[in-house]
Amino acid sequence: MATETKTAPITLTERALAEVKNIMQEKNVPAEYGLRVGVQGGGCSGMSYLLGFDKPKDADEVFHLDGVDLIMDKKHGMYVMGMEVDFQDGLNARGFTFNNPQAQSTCGCGSSFSA
């Protein structure tokens, strides 16, 4: 587990960070948990995004973002480098969105991509 301060390979917008903090408070997420961001196989384009609360594991890097620990498996860095996570709360859509410059193509619903 990384203990030194490093710059996270992804960014969370102010809206996304505020929503993560809100969820952590509403759901009473334990203090030792952080926000896990990564990728997993699946979806119509081959890979889908992973977003949830978890404890750090040995293969992870931990980045500190304004009161939230961002947890990421070191192997996922090449797929999400430069990605921005945002939160939309509008009439037509509500949820987290991913703007990933590493994605060569995305599916119509935006939840999976190919790299």
PDB file of N, CA and C in Angstrom:
ATOM      1  N   MET A   1       0.836  -1.176   0.000  1.00  0.00           N
ATOM      2  CA  MET A   1       0.000   0.000   0.000  1.00  0.00           C
ATOM      3  C   MET A   1       0.883   1.242   0.000  1.00  0.00           C
ATOM      4  N   ALA A   2       0.541   2.199  -0.799  1.00  0.00           N
ATOM      5  CA  ALA A   2       1.329   3.425  -0.898  1.00  0.00           C
ATOM      6  C   ALA A   2       1.070   4.317   0.310  1.00  0.00           C
ATOM      7  N   THR A   3       2.134   4.876   0.858  1.00  0.00           N
ATOM      8  CA  THR A   3       1.970   5.796   1.975  1.00  0.00           C
ATOM      9  C   THR A   3       2.419   7.202   1.604  1.00  0.00           C
ATOM     10  N   GLU A   4       3.172   7.342   0.516  1.00  0.00           N
ATOM     11  CA  GLU A   4       3.620   8.662   0.103  1.00  0.00           C
ATOM     12  C   GLU A   4       2.512   9.377  -0.659  1.00  0.00           C
ATOM     13  N   THR A   5       2.604  10.690  -0.702  1.00  0.00           N
ATOM     14  CA  THR A   5       1.599  11.479  -1.398  1.00  0.00           C
ATOM     15  C   THR A   5       1.926  11.517  -2.882  1.00  0.00           C
ATOM     16  N   LYS A   6       0.985  11.077  -3.698  1.00  0.00           N
ATOM     17  CA  LYS A   6       1.136  11.085  -5.148  1.00  0.00           C
ATOM     18  C   LYS A   6      -0.072  11.776  -5.755  1.00  0.00           C
ATOM     19  N   THR A   7       0.108  12.252  -6.971  1.00  0.00           N
ATOM     20  CA  THR A   7      -1.008  12.841  -7.696  1.00  0.00           C
ATOM     21  C   THR A   7      -1.857  11.717  -8.277  1.00  0.00           C
ATOM     22  N   ALA A   8      -3.149  11.776  -8.051  1.00  0.00           N
ATOM     23  CA  ALA A   8      -4.057  10.747  -8.553  1.00  0.00           C
ATOM     24  C   ALA A   8      -4.104  10.790 -10.076  1.00  0.00           C
ATOM     25  N   PRO A   9      -4.178   9.622 -10.733  1.00  0.00           N
ATOM     26  CA  PRO A   9      -4.244   9.588 -12.194  1.00  0.00           C
ATOM     27  C   PRO A   9      -5.600  10.018 -12.741  1.00  0.00           C
ATOM     28  N   ILE A  10      -6.591  10.154 -11.871  1.00  0.00           N
ATOM     29  CA  ILE A  10      -7.916  10.617 -12.282  1.00  0.00           C
ATOM     30  C   ILE A  10      -8.321  11.797 -11.406  1.00  0.00           C
ATOM     31  N   THR A  11      -9.314  12.536 -11.856  1.00  0.00           N
ATOM     32  CA  THR A  11      -9.827  13.645 -11.056  1.00  0.00           C
ATOM     33  C   THR A  11     -11.319  13.451 -10.818  1.00  0.00           C
ATOM     34  N   LEU A  12     -11.778  13.973  -9.717  1.00  0.00           N
ATOM     35  CA  LEU A  12     -13.203  14.037  -9.407  1.00  0.00           C
ATOM     36  C   LEU A  12     -13.583  15.508  -9.404  1.00  0.00           C
ATOM     37  N   THR A  13     -14.653  15.837 -10.106  1.00  0.00           N
ATOM     38  CA  THR A  13     -15.123  17.221 -10.095  1.00  0.00           C
ATOM     39  C   THR A  13     -15.647  17.550  -8.696  1.00  0.00           C
ATOM     40  N   GLU A  14     -15.871  18.824  -8.447  1.00  0.00           N
ATOM     41  CA  GLU A  14     -16.428  19.235  -7.153  1.00  0.00           C
ATOM     42  C   GLU A  14     -17.773  18.572  -6.907  1.00  0.00           C
ATOM     43  N   ARG A  15     -18.602  18.457  -7.963  1.00  0.00           N
ATOM     44  CA  ARG A  15     -19.919  17.804  -7.815  1.00  0.00           C
ATOM     45  C   ARG A  15     -19.762  16.334  -7.452  1.00  0.00           C
ATOM     46  N   ALA A  16     -18.824  15.644  -8.114  1.00  0.00           N
ATOM     47  CA  ALA A  16     -18.612  14.225  -7.838  1.00  0.00           C
ATOM     48  C   ALA A  16     -18.090  14.028  -6.421  1.00  0.00           C
ATOM     49  N   LEU A  17     -17.133  14.835  -6.023  1.00  0.00           N
ATOM     50  CA  LEU A  17     -16.567  14.734  -4.683  1.00  0.00           C
ATOM     51  C   LEU A  17     -17.627  15.008  -3.619  1.00  0.00           C
ATOM     52  N   ALA A  18     -18.468  16.013  -3.838  1.00  0.00           N
ATOM     53  CA  ALA A  18     -19.541  16.326  -2.890  1.00  0.00           C
ATOM     54  C   ALA A  18     -20.528  15.169  -2.788  1.00  0.00           C
ATOM     55  N   GLU A  19     -20.857  14.531  -3.916  1.00  0.00           N
ATOM     56  CA  GLU A  19     -21.800  13.409  -3.897  1.00  0.00           C
ATOM     57  C   GLU A  19     -21.193  12.203  -3.199  1.00  0.00           C
ATOM     58  N   VAL A  20     -19.909  11.936  -3.422  1.00  0.00           N
ATOM     59  CA  VAL A  20     -19.233  10.827  -2.735  1.00  0.00           C
ATOM     60  C   VAL A  20     -19.287  11.057  -1.224  1.00  0.00           C
ATOM     61  N   LYS A  21     -18.961  12.256  -0.779  1.00  0.00           N
ATOM     62  CA  LYS A  21     -19.000  12.570   0.654  1.00  0.00           C
ATOM     63  C   LYS A  21     -20.419  12.431   1.202  1.00  0.00           C
ATOM     64  N   ASN A  22     -21.414  12.863   0.436  1.00  0.00           N
ATOM     65  CA  ASN A  22     -22.807  12.752   0.842  1.00  0.00           C
ATOM     66  C   ASN A  22     -23.212  11.287   1.006  1.00  0.00           C
ATOM     67  N   ILE A  23     -22.847  10.455   0.048  1.00  0.00           N
ATOM     68  CA  ILE A  23     -23.177   9.025   0.119  1.00  0.00           C
ATOM     69  C   ILE A  23     -22.485   8.383   1.314  1.00  0.00           C
ATOM     70  N   MET A  24     -21.204   8.715   1.516  1.00  0.00           N
ATOM     71  CA  MET A  24     -20.459   8.136   2.638  1.00  0.00           C
ATOM     72  C   MET A  24     -21.125   8.473   3.970  1.00  0.00           C
ATOM     73  N   GLN A  25     -21.617   9.690   4.092  1.00  0.00           N
ATOM     74  CA  GLN A  25     -22.274  10.111   5.330  1.00  0.00           C
ATOM     75  C   GLN A  25     -23.644   9.449   5.471  1.00  0.00           C
ATOM     76  N   GLU A  26     -24.451   9.464   4.408  1.00  0.00           N
ATOM     77  CA  GLU A  26     -25.801   8.886   4.465  1.00  0.00           C
ATOM     78  C   GLU A  26     -25.783   7.387   4.721  1.00  0.00           C
ATOM     79  N   LYS A  27     -24.805   6.688   4.136  1.00  0.00           N
ATOM     80  CA  LYS A  27     -24.728   5.227   4.253  1.00  0.00           C
ATOM     81  C   LYS A  27     -23.821   4.777   5.393  1.00  0.00           C
ATOM     82  N   ASN A  28     -23.303   5.735   6.171  1.00  0.00           N
ATOM     83  CA  ASN A  28     -22.414   5.418   7.294  1.00  0.00           C
ATOM     84  C   ASN A  28     -21.246   4.528   6.873  1.00  0.00           C
ATOM     85  N   VAL A  29     -20.579   4.912   5.799  1.00  0.00           N
ATOM     86  CA  VAL A  29     -19.424   4.157   5.314  1.00  0.00           C
ATOM     87  C   VAL A  29     -18.310   4.292   6.350  1.00  0.00           C
ATOM     88  N   PRO A  30     -17.732   3.165   6.817  1.00  0.00           N
ATOM     89  CA  PRO A  30     -16.676   3.227   7.836  1.00  0.00           C
ATOM     90  C   PRO A  30     -15.474   4.063   7.382  1.00  0.00           C
ATOM     91  N   ALA A  31     -14.806   4.694   8.333  1.00  0.00           N
ATOM     92  CA  ALA A  31     -13.693   5.609   8.049  1.00  0.00           C
ATOM     93  C   ALA A  31     -12.536   4.930   7.325  1.00  0.00           C
ATOM     94  N   GLU A  32     -12.346   3.624   7.529  1.00  0.00           N
ATOM     95  CA  GLU A  32     -11.221   2.936   6.883  1.00  0.00           C
ATOM     96  C   GLU A  32     -11.498   2.594   5.413  1.00  0.00           C
ATOM     97  N   TYR A  33     -12.686   2.899   4.931  1.00  0.00           N
ATOM     98  CA  TYR A  33     -13.043   2.658   3.537  1.00  0.00           C
ATOM     99  C   TYR A  33     -12.767   3.908   2.706  1.00  0.00           C
ATOM    100  N   GLY A  34     -12.494   3.686   1.433  1.00  0.00           N
ATOM    101  CA  GLY A  34     -12.323   4.776   0.491  1.00  0.00           C
ATOM    102  C   GLY A  34     -13.122   4.485  -0.761  1.00  0.00           C
ATOM    103  N   LEU A  35     -13.011   5.364  -1.724  1.00  0.00           N
ATOM    104  CA  LEU A  35     -13.711   5.199  -2.996  1.00  0.00           C
ATOM    105  C   LEU A  35     -12.812   4.440  -3.954  1.00  0.00           C
ATOM    106  N   ARG A  36     -13.235   3.231  -4.330  1.00  0.00           N
ATOM    107  CA  ARG A  36     -12.474   2.435  -5.296  1.00  0.00           C
ATOM    108  C   ARG A  36     -12.939   2.804  -6.699  1.00  0.00           C
ATOM    109  N   VAL A  37     -11.972   3.171  -7.539  1.00  0.00           N
ATOM    110  CA  VAL A  37     -12.233   3.486  -8.940  1.00  0.00           C
ATOM    111  C   VAL A  37     -11.339   2.592  -9.775  1.00  0.00           C
ATOM    112  N   GLY A  38     -11.903   1.991 -10.803  1.00  0.00           N
ATOM    113  CA  GLY A  38     -11.116   1.129 -11.672  1.00  0.00           C
ATOM    114  C   GLY A  38     -11.931   0.642 -12.849  1.00  0.00           C
ATOM    115  N   VAL A  39     -11.461  -0.450 -13.424  1.00  0.00           N
ATOM    116  CA  VAL A  39     -12.133  -1.053 -14.565  1.00  0.00           C
ATOM    117  C   VAL A  39     -12.296  -2.542 -14.310  1.00  0.00           C
ATOM    118  N   GLN A  40     -13.226  -3.139 -15.033  1.00  0.00           N
ATOM    119  CA  GLN A  40     -13.429  -4.581 -14.990  1.00  0.00           C
ATOM    120  C   GLN A  40     -13.900  -5.028 -16.358  1.00  0.00           C
ATOM    121  N   GLY A  41     -13.672  -6.286 -16.667  1.00  0.00           N
ATOM    122  CA  GLY A  41     -14.129  -6.825 -17.938  1.00  0.00           C
ATOM    123  C   GLY A  41     -15.643  -6.864 -17.969  1.00  0.00           C
ATOM    124  N   GLY A  42     -16.216  -6.562 -19.133  1.00  0.00           N
ATOM    125  CA  GLY A  42     -17.665  -6.624 -19.269  1.00  0.00           C
ATOM    126  C   GLY A  42     -18.217  -5.429 -20.002  1.00  0.00           C
ATOM    127  N   GLY A  43     -19.505  -5.449 -20.201  1.00  0.00           N
ATOM    128  CA  GLY A  43     -20.150  -4.369 -20.944  1.00  0.00           C
ATOM    129  C   GLY A  43     -20.070  -4.646 -22.433  1.00  0.00           C
ATOM    130  N   CYS A  44     -20.820  -3.916 -23.198  1.00  0.00           N
ATOM    131  CA  CYS A  44     -20.885  -4.176 -24.639  1.00  0.00           C
ATOM    132  C   CYS A  44     -19.632  -3.730 -25.383  1.00  0.00           C
ATOM    133  N   SER A  45     -18.775  -2.915 -24.765  1.00  0.00           N
ATOM    134  CA  SER A  45     -17.544  -2.491 -25.434  1.00  0.00           C
ATOM    135  C   SER A  45     -16.301  -3.184 -24.884  1.00  0.00           C
ATOM    136  N   GLY A  46     -16.455  -4.096 -23.939  1.00  0.00           N
ATOM    137  CA  GLY A  46     -15.329  -4.881 -23.453  1.00  0.00           C
ATOM    138  C   GLY A  46     -14.880  -4.584 -22.033  1.00  0.00           C
ATOM    139  N   MET A  47     -14.962  -3.337 -21.600  1.00  0.00           N
ATOM    140  CA  MET A  47     -14.570  -2.976 -20.240  1.00  0.00           C
ATOM    141  C   MET A  47     -15.615  -2.033 -19.662  1.00  0.00           C
ATOM    142  N   SER A  48     -15.835  -2.152 -18.358  1.00  0.00           N
ATOM    143  CA  SER A  48     -16.752  -1.225 -17.699  1.00  0.00           C
ATOM    144  C   SER A  48     -16.063  -0.634 -16.475  1.00  0.00           C
ATOM    145  N   TYR A  49     -16.600   0.459 -16.008  1.00  0.00           N
ATOM    146  CA  TYR A  49     -16.004   1.162 -14.880  1.00  0.00           C
ATOM    147  C   TYR A  49     -16.438   0.539 -13.562  1.00  0.00           C
ATOM    148  N   LEU A  50     -15.553   0.596 -12.611  1.00  0.00           N
ATOM    149  CA  LEU A  50     -15.787   0.093 -11.266  1.00  0.00           C
ATOM    150  C   LEU A  50     -15.771   1.290 -10.324  1.00  0.00           C
ATOM    151  N   LEU A  51     -16.823   1.455  -9.547  1.00  0.00           N
ATOM    152  CA  LEU A  51     -16.930   2.581  -8.624  1.00  0.00           C
ATOM    153  C   LEU A  51     -17.681   2.103  -7.391  1.00  0.00           C
ATOM    154  N   GLY A  52     -17.036   2.144  -6.240  1.00  0.00           N
ATOM    155  CA  GLY A  52     -17.679   1.699  -5.015  1.00  0.00           C
ATOM    156  C   GLY A  52     -16.777   1.927  -3.817  1.00  0.00           C
ATOM    157  N   PHE A  53     -17.256   1.594  -2.639  1.00  0.00           N
ATOM    158  CA  PHE A  53     -16.496   1.791  -1.413  1.00  0.00           C
ATOM    159  C   PHE A  53     -15.844   0.483  -1.001  1.00  0.00           C
ATOM    160  N   ASP A  54     -14.580   0.571  -0.571  1.00  0.00           N
ATOM    161  CA  ASP A  54     -13.802  -0.621  -0.279  1.00  0.00           C
ATOM    162  C   ASP A  54     -12.634  -0.250   0.625  1.00  0.00           C
ATOM    163  N   LYS A  55     -11.995  -1.274   1.190  1.00  0.00           N
ATOM    164  CA  LYS A  55     -10.752  -1.091   1.936  1.00  0.00           C
ATOM    165  C   LYS A  55      -9.581  -1.288   0.977  1.00  0.00           C
ATOM    166  N   PRO A  56      -8.477  -0.589   1.200  1.00  0.00           N
ATOM    167  CA  PRO A  56      -7.293  -0.789   0.348  1.00  0.00           C
ATOM    168  C   PRO A  56      -6.739  -2.199   0.497  1.00  0.00           C
ATOM    169  N   LYS A  57      -6.213  -2.726  -0.601  1.00  0.00           N
ATOM    170  CA  LYS A  57      -5.567  -4.038  -0.632  1.00  0.00           C
ATOM    171  C   LYS A  57      -4.090  -3.836  -0.983  1.00  0.00           C
ATOM    172  N   ASP A  58      -3.300  -4.902  -0.891  1.00  0.00           N
ATOM    173  CA  ASP A  58      -1.857  -4.802  -1.115  1.00  0.00           C
ATOM    174  C   ASP A  58      -1.491  -4.269  -2.497  1.00  0.00           C
ATOM    175  N   ALA A  59      -2.257  -4.600  -3.524  1.00  0.00           N
ATOM    176  CA  ALA A  59      -1.928  -4.195  -4.901  1.00  0.00           C
ATOM    177  C   ALA A  59      -2.458  -2.797  -5.242  1.00  0.00           C
ATOM    178  N   ASP A  60      -2.968  -2.082  -4.256  1.00  0.00           N
ATOM    179  CA  ASP A  60      -3.601  -0.785  -4.499  1.00  0.00           C
ATOM    180  C   ASP A  60      -2.664   0.391  -4.249  1.00  0.00           C
ATOM    181  N   GLU A  61      -3.015   1.493  -4.880  1.00  0.00           N
ATOM    182  CA  GLU A  61      -2.452   2.792  -4.541  1.00  0.00           C
ATOM    183  C   GLU A  61      -3.591   3.602  -3.933  1.00  0.00           C
ATOM    184  N   VAL A  62      -3.264   4.422  -2.944  1.00  0.00           N
ATOM    185  CA  VAL A  62      -4.265   5.254  -2.284  1.00  0.00           C
ATOM    186  C   VAL A  62      -3.874   6.712  -2.480  1.00  0.00           C
ATOM    187  N   PHE A  63      -4.820   7.492  -2.949  1.00  0.00           N
ATOM    188  CA  PHE A  63      -4.621   8.923  -3.179  1.00  0.00           C
ATOM    189  C   PHE A  63      -5.611   9.680  -2.305  1.00  0.00           C
ATOM    190  N   HIS A  64      -5.176  10.777  -1.734  1.00  0.00           N
ATOM    191  CA  HIS A  64      -6.023  11.552  -0.828  1.00  0.00           C
ATOM    192  C   HIS A  64      -6.566  12.773  -1.569  1.00  0.00           C
ATOM    193  N   LEU A  65      -7.899  12.816  -1.713  1.00  0.00           N
ATOM    194  CA  LEU A  65      -8.563  13.905  -2.429  1.00  0.00           C
ATOM    195  C   LEU A  65      -9.544  14.617  -1.507  1.00  0.00           C
ATOM    196  N   ASP A  66      -9.125  15.696  -0.907  1.00  0.00           N
ATOM    197  CA  ASP A  66     -10.026  16.550  -0.130  1.00  0.00           C
ATOM    198  C   ASP A  66     -10.932  15.770   0.823  1.00  0.00           C
ATOM    199  N   GLY A  67     -10.336  14.925   1.655  1.00  0.00           N
ATOM    200  CA  GLY A  67     -11.101  14.193   2.652  1.00  0.00           C
ATOM    201  C   GLY A  67     -11.615  12.840   2.213  1.00  0.00           C
ATOM    202  N   VAL A  68     -11.354  12.444   0.981  1.00  0.00           N
ATOM    203  CA  VAL A  68     -11.773  11.134   0.477  1.00  0.00           C
ATOM    204  C   VAL A  68     -10.532  10.387  -0.004  1.00  0.00           C
ATOM    205  N   ASP A  69     -10.379   9.136   0.455  1.00  0.00           N
ATOM    206  CA  ASP A  69      -9.299   8.298  -0.053  1.00  0.00           C
ATOM    207  C   ASP A  69      -9.762   7.647  -1.346  1.00  0.00           C
ATOM    208  N   LEU A  70      -9.014   7.862  -2.408  1.00  0.00           N
ATOM    209  CA  LEU A  70      -9.283   7.258  -3.708  1.00  0.00           C
ATOM    210  C   LEU A  70      -8.402   6.026  -3.810  1.00  0.00           C
ATOM    211  N   ILE A  71      -9.008   4.863  -3.991  1.00  0.00           N
ATOM    212  CA  ILE A  71      -8.290   3.592  -4.035  1.00  0.00           C
ATOM    213  C   ILE A  71      -8.321   3.071  -5.458  1.00  0.00           C
ATOM    214  N   MET A  72      -7.153   2.641  -5.950  1.00  0.00           N
ATOM    215  CA  MET A  72      -7.095   2.123  -7.309  1.00  0.00           C
ATOM    216  C   MET A  72      -6.045   1.026  -7.399  1.00  0.00           C
ATOM    217  N   ASP A  73      -6.401  -0.088  -8.022  1.00  0.00           N
ATOM    218  CA  ASP A  73      -5.440  -1.143  -8.310  1.00  0.00           C
ATOM    219  C   ASP A  73      -4.400  -0.571  -9.269  1.00  0.00           C
ATOM    220  N   LYS A  74      -3.133  -0.795  -8.970  1.00  0.00           N
ATOM    221  CA  LYS A  74      -2.049  -0.237  -9.793  1.00  0.00           C
ATOM    222  C   LYS A  74      -2.178  -0.637 -11.265  1.00  0.00           C
ATOM    223  N   LYS A  75      -2.705  -1.825 -11.534  1.00  0.00           N
ATOM    224  CA  LYS A  75      -2.834  -2.312 -12.915  1.00  0.00           C
ATOM    225  C   LYS A  75      -3.884  -1.549 -13.718  1.00  0.00           C
ATOM    226  N   HIS A  76      -4.761  -0.832 -13.057  1.00  0.00           N
ATOM    227  CA  HIS A  76      -5.835  -0.127 -13.758  1.00  0.00           C
ATOM    228  C   HIS A  76      -5.414   1.245 -14.266  1.00  0.00           C
ATOM    229  N   GLY A  77      -4.263   1.736 -13.815  1.00  0.00           N
ATOM    230  CA  GLY A  77      -3.820   3.079 -14.153  1.00  0.00           C
ATOM    231  C   GLY A  77      -3.773   3.368 -15.640  1.00  0.00           C
ATOM    232  N   MET A  78      -3.297   2.419 -16.428  1.00  0.00           N
ATOM    233  CA  MET A  78      -3.171   2.653 -17.870  1.00  0.00           C
ATOM    234  C   MET A  78      -4.522   2.817 -18.558  1.00  0.00           C
ATOM    235  N   TYR A  79      -5.586   2.312 -17.951  1.00  0.00           N
ATOM    236  CA  TYR A  79      -6.915   2.407 -18.553  1.00  0.00           C
ATOM    237  C   TYR A  79      -7.668   3.674 -18.148  1.00  0.00           C
ATOM    238  N   VAL A  80      -7.243   4.302 -17.056  1.00  0.00           N
ATOM    239  CA  VAL A  80      -7.988   5.456 -16.545  1.00  0.00           C
ATOM    240  C   VAL A  80      -7.145   6.727 -16.422  1.00  0.00           C
ATOM    241  N   MET A  81      -5.907   6.698 -16.880  1.00  0.00           N
ATOM    242  CA  MET A  81      -5.025   7.864 -16.768  1.00  0.00           C
ATOM    243  C   MET A  81      -5.669   9.088 -17.418  1.00  0.00           C
ATOM    244  N   GLY A  82      -5.829  10.149 -16.650  1.00  0.00           N
ATOM    245  CA  GLY A  82      -6.417  11.383 -17.167  1.00  0.00           C
ATOM    246  C   GLY A  82      -7.936  11.431 -17.124  1.00  0.00           C
ATOM    247  N   MET A  83      -8.579  10.394 -16.610  1.00  0.00           N
ATOM    248  CA  MET A  83     -10.040  10.342 -16.581  1.00  0.00           C
ATOM    249  C   MET A  83     -10.608  11.333 -15.560  1.00  0.00           C
ATOM    250  N   GLU A  84     -11.760  11.898 -15.902  1.00  0.00           N
ATOM    251  CA  GLU A  84     -12.487  12.781 -14.995  1.00  0.00           C
ATOM    252  C   GLU A  84     -13.818  12.128 -14.646  1.00  0.00           C
ATOM    253  N   VAL A  85     -14.106  12.047 -13.352  1.00  0.00           N
ATOM    254  CA  VAL A  85     -15.388  11.537 -12.874  1.00  0.00           C
ATOM    255  C   VAL A  85     -16.222  12.744 -12.455  1.00  0.00           C
ATOM    256  N   ASP A  86     -17.434  12.814 -12.987  1.00  0.00           N
ATOM    257  CA  ASP A  86     -18.337  13.916 -12.679  1.00  0.00           C
ATOM    258  C   ASP A  86     -19.633  13.331 -12.133  1.00  0.00           C
ATOM    259  N   PHE A  87     -20.489  14.178 -11.603  1.00  0.00           N
ATOM    260  CA  PHE A  87     -21.807  13.755 -11.143  1.00  0.00           C
ATOM    261  C   PHE A  87     -22.847  14.661 -11.768  1.00  0.00           C
ATOM    262  N   GLN A  88     -23.821  14.061 -12.424  1.00  0.00           N
ATOM    263  CA  GLN A  88     -24.911  14.794 -13.065  1.00  0.00           C
ATOM    264  C   GLN A  88     -26.190  14.581 -12.259  1.00  0.00           C
ATOM    265  N   ASP A  89     -26.936  15.637 -12.059  1.00  0.00           N
ATOM    266  CA  ASP A  89     -28.201  15.544 -11.328  1.00  0.00           C
ATOM    267  C   ASP A  89     -29.223  16.415 -12.049  1.00  0.00           C
ATOM    268  N   GLY A  90     -29.710  15.906 -13.177  1.00  0.00           N
ATOM    269  CA  GLY A  90     -30.637  16.674 -13.993  1.00  0.00           C
ATOM    270  C   GLY A  90     -31.955  15.954 -14.185  1.00  0.00           C
ATOM    271  N   LEU A  91     -32.802  16.529 -14.997  1.00  0.00           N
ATOM    272  CA  LEU A  91     -34.115  15.943 -15.268  1.00  0.00           C
ATOM    273  C   LEU A  91     -34.016  14.632 -16.037  1.00  0.00           C
ATOM    274  N   ASN A  92     -33.052  14.535 -16.952  1.00  0.00           N
ATOM    275  CA  ASN A  92     -32.943  13.354 -17.805  1.00  0.00           C
ATOM    276  C   ASN A  92     -31.976  12.303 -17.286  1.00  0.00           C
ATOM    277  N   ALA A  93     -31.074  12.684 -16.407  1.00  0.00           N
ATOM    278  CA  ALA A  93     -30.081  11.728 -15.929  1.00  0.00           C
ATOM    279  C   ALA A  93     -29.579  12.133 -14.551  1.00  0.00           C
ATOM    280  N   ARG A  94     -29.283  11.108 -13.748  1.00  0.00           N
ATOM    281  CA  ARG A  94     -28.688  11.332 -12.435  1.00  0.00           C
ATOM    282  C   ARG A  94     -27.681  10.230 -12.198  1.00  0.00           C
ATOM    283  N   GLY A  95     -26.448  10.603 -11.927  1.00  0.00           N
ATOM    284  CA  GLY A  95     -25.432   9.610 -11.631  1.00  0.00           C
ATOM    285  C   GLY A  95     -24.044  10.091 -11.995  1.00  0.00           C
ATOM    286  N   PHE A  96     -23.087   9.210 -11.768  1.00  0.00           N
ATOM    287  CA  PHE A  96     -21.698   9.520 -12.066  1.00  0.00           C
ATOM    288  C   PHE A  96     -21.431   9.304 -13.551  1.00  0.00           C
ATOM    289  N   THR A  97     -20.622  10.183 -14.119  1.00  0.00           N
ATOM    290  CA  THR A  97     -20.225  10.058 -15.520  1.00  0.00           C
ATOM    291  C   THR A  97     -18.708  10.010 -15.589  1.00  0.00           C
ATOM    292  N   PHE A  98     -18.202   9.385 -16.645  1.00  0.00           N
ATOM    293  CA  PHE A  98     -16.769   9.177 -16.812  1.00  0.00           C
ATOM    294  C   PHE A  98     -16.327   9.763 -18.143  1.00  0.00           C
ATOM    295  N   ASN A  99     -15.391  10.692 -18.089  1.00  0.00           N
ATOM    296  CA  ASN A  99     -14.790  11.251 -19.295  1.00  0.00           C
ATOM    297  C   ASN A  99     -13.369  10.709 -19.346  1.00  0.00           C
ATOM    298  N   ASN A 100     -13.157   9.695 -20.193  1.00  0.00           N
ATOM    299  CA  ASN A 100     -11.899   8.958 -20.203  1.00  0.00           C
ATOM    300  C   ASN A 100     -11.165   9.142 -21.527  1.00  0.00           C
ATOM    301  N   PRO A 101     -10.036   9.858 -21.526  1.00  0.00           N
ATOM    302  CA  PRO A 101      -9.281  10.040 -22.766  1.00  0.00           C
ATOM    303  C   PRO A 101      -8.627   8.753 -23.269  1.00  0.00           C
ATOM    304  N   GLN A 102      -8.541   7.714 -22.434  1.00  0.00           N
ATOM    305  CA  GLN A 102      -7.948   6.438 -22.840  1.00  0.00           C
ATOM    306  C   GLN A 102      -8.938   5.560 -23.609  1.00  0.00           C
ATOM    307  N   ALA A 103     -10.217   5.902 -23.553  1.00  0.00           N
ATOM    308  CA  ALA A 103     -11.244   5.103 -24.228  1.00  0.00           C
ATOM    309  C   ALA A 103     -11.198   5.364 -25.729  1.00  0.00           C
ATOM    310  N   GLN A 104     -10.993   4.292 -26.504  1.00  0.00           N
ATOM    311  CA  GLN A 104     -10.992   4.421 -27.961  1.00  0.00           C
ATOM    312  C   GLN A 104     -12.409   4.502 -28.499  1.00  0.00           C
ATOM    313  N   SER A 105     -13.326   3.822 -27.825  1.00  0.00           N
ATOM    314  CA  SER A 105     -14.740   3.897 -28.190  1.00  0.00           C
ATOM    315  C   SER A 105     -15.565   3.584 -26.952  1.00  0.00           C
ATOM    316  N   THR A 106     -16.797   4.060 -26.935  1.00  0.00           N
ATOM    317  CA  THR A 106     -17.699   3.794 -25.822  1.00  0.00           C
ATOM    318  C   THR A 106     -19.009   3.248 -26.368  1.00  0.00           C
ATOM    319  N   CYS A 107     -19.762   2.597 -25.497  1.00  0.00           N
ATOM    320  CA  CYS A 107     -21.061   2.084 -25.923  1.00  0.00           C
ATOM    321  C   CYS A 107     -22.088   3.210 -25.881  1.00  0.00           C
ATOM    322  N   GLY A 108     -23.264   2.947 -26.383  1.00  0.00           N
ATOM    323  CA  GLY A 108     -24.308   3.964 -26.441  1.00  0.00           C
ATOM    324  C   GLY A 108     -24.746   4.468 -25.083  1.00  0.00           C
ATOM    325  N   CYS A 109     -24.732   3.604 -24.075  1.00  0.00           N
ATOM    326  CA  CYS A 109     -25.183   4.030 -22.746  1.00  0.00           C
ATOM    327  C   CYS A 109     -24.068   4.699 -21.955  1.00  0.00           C
ATOM    328  N   GLY A 110     -22.822   4.590 -22.415  1.00  0.00           N
ATOM    329  CA  GLY A 110     -21.710   5.259 -21.757  1.00  0.00           C
ATOM    330  C   GLY A 110     -21.136   4.539 -20.561  1.00  0.00           C
ATOM    331  N   SER A 111     -21.591   3.309 -20.287  1.00  0.00           N
ATOM    332  CA  SER A 111     -21.090   2.606 -19.110  1.00  0.00           C
ATOM    333  C   SER A 111     -19.954   1.644 -19.414  1.00  0.00           C
ATOM    334  N   SER A 112     -19.625   1.445 -20.684  1.00  0.00           N
ATOM    335  CA  SER A 112     -18.482   0.600 -21.009  1.00  0.00           C
ATOM    336  C   SER A 112     -17.685   1.230 -22.144  1.00  0.00           C
ATOM    337  N   PHE A 113     -16.446   0.725 -22.308  1.00  0.00           N
ATOM    338  CA  PHE A 113     -15.541   1.310 -23.296  1.00  0.00           C
ATOM    339  C   PHE A 113     -14.542   0.271 -23.760  1.00  0.00           C
ATOM    340  N   SER A 114     -13.840   0.581 -24.829  1.00  0.00           N
ATOM    341  CA  SER A 114     -12.708  -0.238 -25.261  1.00  0.00           C
ATOM    342  C   SER A 114     -11.472   0.645 -25.230  1.00  0.00           C
ATOM    343  N   ALA A 115     -10.341   0.014 -24.904  1.00  0.00           N
ATOM    344  CA  ALA A 115      -9.088   0.779 -24.795  1.00  0.00           C
ATOM    345  C   ALA A 115      -8.056   0.247 -25.767  1.00  0.00           C
TER     346      ALA A 115
END
